[in-house]
Amino acid sequence: MDLPNKKKFLVCFILSSITLAGILATKPPVRQKETYTNLKVLSKNISDENMDFVMESFNMQLGVNCLFCHISKQKGYEMTFDYASDSLLNKRAARDMLRMTMKLNKKYFNTKLTGTMTTRGRIWCKTCHRGKPVPILKSSLK
């Protein structure tokens, strides 16, 4: 390889190395953990995964969606929720039901459910609700 080609190769190698080092040095943006507000039964330290589990359980086991407990606001095509608001009775009832299932699991199954929801209980929404927003009474199952 003659001298001009060696210089070109060296310059290309150095530029490529600097570019590669810059790419490797960049970090993906750190996703800030969602902070939950106005939690009264669930822990403020609940993981996103466990919060999703609880909310999806409500959706599936009661046959409802987020609007059942949370107020929505629509701006154009975008819909947002006011998760902290306690204005809907269903949200307050859900808290009472969650407290009740925690007590029942502890008393009858020796399973202590904490607000972080890292343990799953034997009694949960589906035990009584069976996919309906209002629990199905035993007398109505006959």
N, C-alpha and C. Protein backbone atom coordinates (compact mmCIF):
# COMPACT_ATOMS: atom_id res chain seq x y z
N MET A 1 0.86 -1.16 0.00
CA MET A 1 0.00 0.00 0.00
C MET A 1 0.91 1.22 0.00
N ASP A 2 0.62 2.13 -0.92
CA ASP A 2 1.45 3.34 -0.97
C ASP A 2 1.02 4.33 0.10
N LEU A 3 1.82 5.35 0.31
CA LEU A 3 1.62 6.32 1.39
C LEU A 3 0.27 7.03 1.34
N PRO A 4 -0.21 7.56 0.19
CA PRO A 4 -1.52 8.23 0.18
C PRO A 4 -2.66 7.29 0.57
N ASN A 5 -2.57 6.04 0.13
CA ASN A 5 -3.63 5.08 0.50
C ASN A 5 -3.58 4.75 1.98
N LYS A 6 -2.36 4.69 2.55
CA LYS A 6 -2.23 4.43 3.98
C LYS A 6 -2.84 5.57 4.79
N LYS A 7 -2.62 6.81 4.33
CA LYS A 7 -3.18 7.98 5.03
C LYS A 7 -4.71 7.95 4.96
N LYS A 8 -5.25 7.63 3.79
CA LYS A 8 -6.71 7.56 3.63
C LYS A 8 -7.29 6.47 4.55
N PHE A 9 -6.61 5.34 4.54
CA PHE A 9 -7.07 4.23 5.39
C PHE A 9 -7.02 4.62 6.86
N LEU A 10 -5.94 5.25 7.28
CA LEU A 10 -5.78 5.67 8.67
C LEU A 10 -6.85 6.69 9.07
N VAL A 11 -7.11 7.66 8.19
CA VAL A 11 -8.13 8.68 8.47
C VAL A 11 -9.51 8.02 8.57
N CYS A 12 -9.84 7.13 7.63
CA CYS A 12 -11.13 6.43 7.66
C CYS A 12 -11.25 5.58 8.92
N PHE A 13 -10.17 4.91 9.30
CA PHE A 13 -10.18 4.08 10.50
C PHE A 13 -10.41 4.91 11.75
N ILE A 14 -9.72 6.04 11.84
CA ILE A 14 -9.87 6.92 13.02
C ILE A 14 -11.29 7.49 13.09
N LEU A 15 -11.82 7.97 11.96
CA LEU A 15 -13.17 8.51 11.95
C LEU A 15 -14.21 7.44 12.29
N SER A 16 -14.01 6.25 11.76
CA SER A 16 -14.94 5.15 12.07
C SER A 16 -14.87 4.80 13.54
N SER A 17 -13.67 4.77 14.11
CA SER A 17 -13.50 4.45 15.53
C SER A 17 -14.18 5.49 16.41
N ILE A 18 -14.00 6.76 16.07
CA ILE A 18 -14.62 7.85 16.85
C ILE A 18 -16.15 7.75 16.76
N THR A 19 -16.66 7.49 15.57
CA THR A 19 -18.11 7.36 15.38
C THR A 19 -18.65 6.18 16.19
N LEU A 20 -17.95 5.05 16.10
CA LEU A 20 -18.38 3.86 16.83
C LEU A 20 -18.33 4.11 18.34
N ALA A 21 -17.28 4.75 18.83
CA ALA A 21 -17.16 5.06 20.25
C ALA A 21 -18.30 5.99 20.69
N GLY A 22 -18.66 6.95 19.86
CA GLY A 22 -19.77 7.85 20.18
C GLY A 22 -21.09 7.12 20.26
N ILE A 23 -21.31 6.20 19.35
CA ILE A 23 -22.56 5.42 19.34
C ILE A 23 -22.63 4.55 20.59
N LEU A 24 -21.53 3.89 20.92
CA LEU A 24 -21.51 3.01 22.09
C LEU A 24 -21.64 3.79 23.40
N ALA A 25 -21.16 5.04 23.40
CA ALA A 25 -21.19 5.84 24.62
C ALA A 25 -22.58 6.41 24.92
N THR A 26 -23.41 6.53 23.91
CA THR A 26 -24.75 7.08 24.15
C THR A 26 -25.60 6.05 24.85
N LYS A 27 -26.41 6.50 25.77
CA LYS A 27 -27.30 5.62 26.52
C LYS A 27 -28.73 5.90 26.07
N PRO A 28 -29.55 4.88 26.08
CA PRO A 28 -30.95 5.14 25.76
C PRO A 28 -31.55 6.04 26.83
N PRO A 29 -32.53 6.83 26.49
CA PRO A 29 -33.12 7.72 27.50
C PRO A 29 -33.69 6.90 28.66
N VAL A 30 -33.44 7.38 29.85
CA VAL A 30 -33.92 6.70 31.04
C VAL A 30 -35.40 7.01 31.19
N ARG A 31 -36.20 5.95 31.21
CA ARG A 31 -37.64 6.12 31.37
C ARG A 31 -37.92 6.34 32.85
N GLN A 32 -38.50 7.47 33.15
CA GLN A 32 -38.78 7.81 34.53
C GLN A 32 -39.94 6.95 35.03
N LYS A 33 -39.76 6.35 36.20
CA LYS A 33 -40.81 5.51 36.77
C LYS A 33 -42.05 6.34 37.03
N GLU A 34 -43.16 5.78 36.63
CA GLU A 34 -44.43 6.46 36.85
C GLU A 34 -44.67 6.55 38.35
N THR A 35 -45.04 7.73 38.80
CA THR A 35 -45.34 7.88 40.22
C THR A 35 -46.85 7.83 40.39
N TYR A 36 -47.27 6.99 41.29
CA TYR A 36 -48.69 6.84 41.54
C TYR A 36 -49.08 7.75 42.69
N THR A 37 -50.22 8.40 42.54
CA THR A 37 -50.69 9.32 43.58
C THR A 37 -52.03 8.84 44.11
N ASN A 38 -52.32 9.21 45.34
CA ASN A 38 -53.59 8.92 45.99
C ASN A 38 -53.84 7.42 46.16
N LEU A 39 -52.79 6.67 46.42
CA LEU A 39 -52.97 5.24 46.71
C LEU A 39 -53.28 5.09 48.18
N LYS A 40 -54.37 4.41 48.49
CA LYS A 40 -54.78 4.24 49.89
C LYS A 40 -54.73 2.80 50.35
N VAL A 41 -54.80 1.84 49.43
CA VAL A 41 -54.70 0.43 49.78
C VAL A 41 -53.42 -0.14 49.17
N LEU A 42 -53.20 0.15 47.92
CA LEU A 42 -51.97 -0.29 47.26
C LEU A 42 -50.82 0.59 47.71
N SER A 43 -49.64 0.01 47.73
CA SER A 43 -48.45 0.72 48.20
C SER A 43 -47.94 1.70 47.15
N LYS A 44 -47.39 2.80 47.61
CA LYS A 44 -46.75 3.74 46.69
C LYS A 44 -45.51 3.12 46.06
N ASN A 45 -45.01 2.03 46.64
CA ASN A 45 -43.84 1.32 46.12
C ASN A 45 -44.21 0.16 45.22
N ILE A 46 -45.46 0.05 44.82
CA ILE A 46 -45.88 -1.04 43.95
C ILE A 46 -45.16 -0.91 42.61
N SER A 47 -44.74 -2.04 42.08
CA SER A 47 -44.05 -2.03 40.79
C SER A 47 -45.06 -1.79 39.67
N ASP A 48 -44.57 -1.31 38.54
CA ASP A 48 -45.45 -1.10 37.39
C ASP A 48 -46.10 -2.43 36.99
N GLU A 49 -45.33 -3.50 37.05
CA GLU A 49 -45.84 -4.82 36.68
C GLU A 49 -46.99 -5.25 37.58
N ASN A 50 -46.84 -5.05 38.89
CA ASN A 50 -47.90 -5.43 39.81
C ASN A 50 -49.11 -4.51 39.72
N MET A 51 -48.88 -3.23 39.47
CA MET A 51 -50.00 -2.31 39.27
C MET A 51 -50.79 -2.73 38.03
N ASP A 52 -50.08 -3.07 36.97
CA ASP A 52 -50.75 -3.54 35.75
C ASP A 52 -51.55 -4.80 36.05
N PHE A 53 -50.98 -5.71 36.84
CA PHE A 53 -51.68 -6.95 37.19
C PHE A 53 -53.00 -6.64 37.90
N VAL A 54 -52.96 -5.75 38.87
CA VAL A 54 -54.16 -5.43 39.64
C VAL A 54 -55.22 -4.79 38.74
N MET A 55 -54.81 -3.81 37.95
CA MET A 55 -55.77 -3.11 37.10
C MET A 55 -56.34 -4.03 36.01
N GLU A 56 -55.49 -4.85 35.42
CA GLU A 56 -55.97 -5.79 34.40
C GLU A 56 -56.88 -6.85 35.02
N SER A 57 -56.60 -7.22 36.28
CA SER A 57 -57.48 -8.16 36.98
C SER A 57 -58.87 -7.56 37.15
N PHE A 58 -58.91 -6.28 37.55
CA PHE A 58 -60.21 -5.62 37.67
C PHE A 58 -60.93 -5.65 36.33
N ASN A 59 -60.21 -5.32 35.27
CA ASN A 59 -60.82 -5.29 33.94
C ASN A 59 -61.41 -6.65 33.56
N MET A 60 -60.61 -7.69 33.70
CA MET A 60 -61.03 -9.02 33.25
C MET A 60 -62.05 -9.66 34.19
N GLN A 61 -61.80 -9.57 35.49
CA GLN A 61 -62.62 -10.30 36.43
C GLN A 61 -63.95 -9.63 36.76
N LEU A 62 -64.07 -8.35 36.40
CA LEU A 62 -65.33 -7.64 36.56
C LEU A 62 -65.98 -7.31 35.23
N GLY A 63 -65.28 -7.59 34.14
CA GLY A 63 -65.83 -7.29 32.82
C GLY A 63 -65.99 -5.80 32.58
N VAL A 64 -65.07 -4.99 33.10
CA VAL A 64 -65.16 -3.54 32.96
C VAL A 64 -63.88 -3.01 32.32
N ASN A 65 -63.86 -1.71 32.03
CA ASN A 65 -62.64 -1.07 31.56
C ASN A 65 -62.29 0.07 32.51
N CYS A 66 -61.27 0.81 32.18
CA CYS A 66 -60.75 1.88 33.06
C CYS A 66 -61.82 2.91 33.42
N LEU A 67 -62.75 3.16 32.50
CA LEU A 67 -63.78 4.17 32.74
C LEU A 67 -64.73 3.80 33.88
N PHE A 68 -64.72 2.56 34.29
CA PHE A 68 -65.58 2.11 35.37
C PHE A 68 -65.20 2.78 36.69
N CYS A 69 -63.90 3.02 36.89
CA CYS A 69 -63.41 3.61 38.14
C CYS A 69 -62.72 4.96 37.96
N HIS A 70 -62.30 5.28 36.76
CA HIS A 70 -61.50 6.48 36.54
C HIS A 70 -62.18 7.45 35.58
N ILE A 71 -62.11 8.73 35.91
CA ILE A 71 -62.67 9.79 35.08
C ILE A 71 -61.76 10.01 33.88
N SER A 72 -62.36 10.17 32.73
CA SER A 72 -61.56 10.42 31.53
C SER A 72 -61.76 11.86 31.06
N LYS A 73 -60.77 12.32 30.37
CA LYS A 73 -60.84 13.64 29.74
C LYS A 73 -60.43 13.43 28.29
N GLN A 74 -61.20 13.99 27.40
CA GLN A 74 -60.87 13.84 25.99
C GLN A 74 -60.51 15.19 25.40
N LYS A 75 -59.39 15.21 24.72
CA LYS A 75 -58.93 16.41 24.04
C LYS A 75 -58.62 16.00 22.61
N GLY A 76 -59.53 16.36 21.72
CA GLY A 76 -59.37 15.92 20.33
C GLY A 76 -59.51 14.41 20.28
N TYR A 77 -58.53 13.75 19.69
CA TYR A 77 -58.55 12.30 19.59
C TYR A 77 -57.89 11.61 20.78
N GLU A 78 -57.28 12.39 21.65
CA GLU A 78 -56.54 11.82 22.77
C GLU A 78 -57.41 11.76 24.02
N MET A 79 -57.39 10.60 24.69
CA MET A 79 -58.13 10.44 25.93
C MET A 79 -57.13 10.21 27.06
N THR A 80 -57.30 10.95 28.13
CA THR A 80 -56.45 10.76 29.31
C THR A 80 -57.35 10.46 30.50
N PHE A 81 -56.75 9.91 31.52
CA PHE A 81 -57.50 9.55 32.72
C PHE A 81 -56.97 10.31 33.92
N ASP A 82 -57.88 10.64 34.82
CA ASP A 82 -57.50 11.23 36.10
C ASP A 82 -57.51 10.09 37.12
N TYR A 83 -56.39 9.38 37.19
CA TYR A 83 -56.31 8.20 38.04
C TYR A 83 -56.40 8.54 39.53
N ALA A 84 -56.00 9.74 39.91
CA ALA A 84 -55.97 10.11 41.33
C ALA A 84 -57.35 10.49 41.86
N SER A 85 -58.26 10.85 41.01
CA SER A 85 -59.57 11.33 41.45
C SER A 85 -60.36 10.22 42.16
N ASP A 86 -61.01 10.60 43.25
CA ASP A 86 -61.87 9.68 43.99
C ASP A 86 -63.35 9.98 43.76
N SER A 87 -63.66 10.72 42.73
CA SER A 87 -65.04 11.17 42.55
C SER A 87 -66.01 10.05 42.14
N LEU A 88 -65.52 8.96 41.58
CA LEU A 88 -66.42 7.87 41.20
C LEU A 88 -66.58 6.87 42.34
N LEU A 89 -67.82 6.53 42.63
CA LEU A 89 -68.15 5.59 43.70
C LEU A 89 -67.49 4.23 43.45
N ASN A 90 -67.43 3.81 42.20
CA ASN A 90 -66.86 2.50 41.89
C ASN A 90 -65.40 2.38 42.34
N LYS A 91 -64.65 3.46 42.25
CA LYS A 91 -63.25 3.42 42.68
C LYS A 91 -63.18 3.25 44.20
N ARG A 92 -64.03 3.94 44.90
CA ARG A 92 -64.04 3.82 46.36
C ARG A 92 -64.50 2.41 46.77
N ALA A 93 -65.46 1.87 46.05
CA ALA A 93 -65.93 0.50 46.33
C ALA A 93 -64.83 -0.51 46.03
N ALA A 94 -64.07 -0.28 44.97
CA ALA A 94 -62.97 -1.19 44.62
C ALA A 94 -61.93 -1.24 45.75
N ARG A 95 -61.66 -0.10 46.36
CA ARG A 95 -60.73 -0.07 47.49
C ARG A 95 -61.26 -0.91 48.65
N ASP A 96 -62.55 -0.75 48.95
CA ASP A 96 -63.15 -1.53 50.03
C ASP A 96 -63.09 -3.03 49.72
N MET A 97 -63.36 -3.38 48.48
CA MET A 97 -63.31 -4.79 48.06
C MET A 97 -61.88 -5.33 48.16
N LEU A 98 -60.93 -4.52 47.80
CA LEU A 98 -59.53 -4.94 47.88
C LEU A 98 -59.13 -5.18 49.34
N ARG A 99 -59.55 -4.28 50.22
CA ARG A 99 -59.28 -4.47 51.66
C ARG A 99 -59.93 -5.77 52.15
N MET A 100 -61.16 -6.00 51.71
CA MET A 100 -61.88 -7.19 52.12
C MET A 100 -61.16 -8.46 51.65
N THR A 101 -60.73 -8.51 50.41
CA THR A 101 -60.04 -9.71 49.92
C THR A 101 -58.71 -9.92 50.63
N MET A 102 -58.05 -8.82 50.98
CA MET A 102 -56.79 -8.94 51.73
C MET A 102 -57.05 -9.58 53.09
N LYS A 103 -58.11 -9.14 53.78
CA LYS A 103 -58.44 -9.68 55.10
C LYS A 103 -58.86 -11.15 55.00
N LEU A 104 -59.69 -11.48 53.99
CA LEU A 104 -60.14 -12.86 53.83
C LEU A 104 -58.98 -13.80 53.53
N ASN A 105 -58.07 -13.37 52.68
CA ASN A 105 -56.91 -14.21 52.35
C ASN A 105 -56.04 -14.44 53.57
N LYS A 106 -55.90 -13.42 54.40
CA LYS A 106 -55.08 -13.56 55.61
C LYS A 106 -55.77 -14.48 56.62
N LYS A 107 -57.06 -14.25 56.84
CA LYS A 107 -57.79 -14.98 57.87
C LYS A 107 -57.99 -16.46 57.51
N TYR A 108 -58.40 -16.74 56.27
CA TYR A 108 -58.78 -18.10 55.92
C TYR A 108 -57.70 -18.90 55.19
N PHE A 109 -56.73 -18.22 54.60
CA PHE A 109 -55.70 -18.93 53.83
C PHE A 109 -54.29 -18.60 54.28
N ASN A 110 -54.18 -17.84 55.38
CA ASN A 110 -52.88 -17.45 55.93
C ASN A 110 -51.97 -16.86 54.85
N THR A 111 -52.57 -16.11 53.93
CA THR A 111 -51.82 -15.44 52.88
C THR A 111 -51.91 -13.95 53.12
N LYS A 112 -50.80 -13.36 53.48
CA LYS A 112 -50.79 -11.92 53.75
C LYS A 112 -50.53 -11.17 52.45
N LEU A 113 -51.54 -10.46 51.99
CA LEU A 113 -51.38 -9.63 50.81
C LEU A 113 -50.96 -8.24 51.27
N THR A 114 -49.92 -7.74 50.67
CA THR A 114 -49.47 -6.39 50.99
C THR A 114 -49.86 -5.47 49.85
N GLY A 115 -49.72 -4.20 50.07
CA GLY A 115 -50.06 -3.21 49.05
C GLY A 115 -49.17 -3.25 47.83
N THR A 116 -48.06 -3.99 47.91
CA THR A 116 -47.19 -4.10 46.73
C THR A 116 -47.67 -5.20 45.79
N MET A 117 -48.57 -6.03 46.27
CA MET A 117 -49.17 -7.11 45.49
C MET A 117 -48.15 -8.08 44.90
N THR A 118 -47.12 -8.39 45.69
CA THR A 118 -46.13 -9.36 45.23
C THR A 118 -46.60 -10.78 45.47
N THR A 119 -47.60 -10.94 46.35
CA THR A 119 -48.21 -12.25 46.61
C THR A 119 -49.61 -12.25 46.02
N ARG A 120 -50.01 -13.36 45.44
CA ARG A 120 -51.35 -13.48 44.86
C ARG A 120 -52.23 -14.24 45.84
N GLY A 121 -53.44 -13.75 46.02
CA GLY A 121 -54.36 -14.36 46.97
C GLY A 121 -55.19 -15.47 46.36
N ARG A 122 -55.75 -16.31 47.22
CA ARG A 122 -56.66 -17.37 46.76
C ARG A 122 -58.02 -16.78 46.44
N ILE A 123 -58.42 -15.79 47.24
CA ILE A 123 -59.68 -15.10 46.99
C ILE A 123 -59.34 -13.81 46.25
N TRP A 124 -60.01 -13.58 45.16
CA TRP A 124 -59.77 -12.39 44.35
C TRP A 124 -61.11 -11.99 43.74
N CYS A 125 -61.15 -11.00 42.94
CA CYS A 125 -62.40 -10.47 42.39
C CYS A 125 -63.28 -11.54 41.75
N LYS A 126 -62.65 -12.44 41.00
CA LYS A 126 -63.42 -13.45 40.25
C LYS A 126 -64.17 -14.41 41.15
N THR A 127 -63.73 -14.54 42.41
CA THR A 127 -64.39 -15.45 43.34
C THR A 127 -65.88 -15.14 43.43
N CYS A 128 -66.23 -13.87 43.49
CA CYS A 128 -67.64 -13.48 43.62
C CYS A 128 -68.20 -12.85 42.34
N HIS A 129 -67.38 -12.07 41.66
CA HIS A 129 -67.89 -11.32 40.51
C HIS A 129 -68.09 -12.18 39.27
N ARG A 130 -67.23 -13.13 39.03
CA ARG A 130 -67.35 -14.03 37.88
C ARG A 130 -67.56 -13.29 36.57
N GLY A 131 -66.76 -12.24 36.37
CA GLY A 131 -66.81 -11.50 35.11
C GLY A 131 -67.89 -10.43 35.02
N LYS A 132 -68.57 -10.15 36.10
CA LYS A 132 -69.66 -9.16 36.11
C LYS A 132 -69.30 -8.02 37.05
N PRO A 133 -69.76 -6.80 36.75
CA PRO A 133 -69.47 -5.66 37.63
C PRO A 133 -70.10 -5.77 39.01
N VAL A 134 -71.24 -6.45 39.10
CA VAL A 134 -71.91 -6.65 40.38
C VAL A 134 -71.78 -8.13 40.72
N PRO A 135 -71.37 -8.46 41.96
CA PRO A 135 -71.18 -9.87 42.31
C PRO A 135 -72.44 -10.69 42.09
N ILE A 136 -72.22 -11.92 41.64
CA ILE A 136 -73.33 -12.84 41.44
C ILE A 136 -73.60 -13.53 42.77
N LEU A 137 -74.83 -13.40 43.25
CA LEU A 137 -75.20 -14.02 44.52
C LEU A 137 -75.42 -15.51 44.33
N LYS A 138 -75.07 -16.28 45.35
CA LYS A 138 -75.20 -17.74 45.27
C LYS A 138 -76.63 -18.15 44.96
N SER A 139 -77.62 -17.48 45.52
CA SER A 139 -79.00 -17.83 45.31
C SER A 139 -79.41 -17.64 43.84
N SER A 140 -78.72 -16.76 43.12
CA SER A 140 -79.06 -16.51 41.72
C SER A 140 -78.37 -17.50 40.79
N LEU A 141 -77.48 -18.36 41.31
CA LEU A 141 -76.78 -19.33 40.49
C LEU A 141 -77.58 -20.61 40.30
N LYS A 142 -78.64 -20.77 41.05
CA LYS A 142 -79.45 -22.01 40.96
C LYS A 142 -80.19 -22.12 39.67
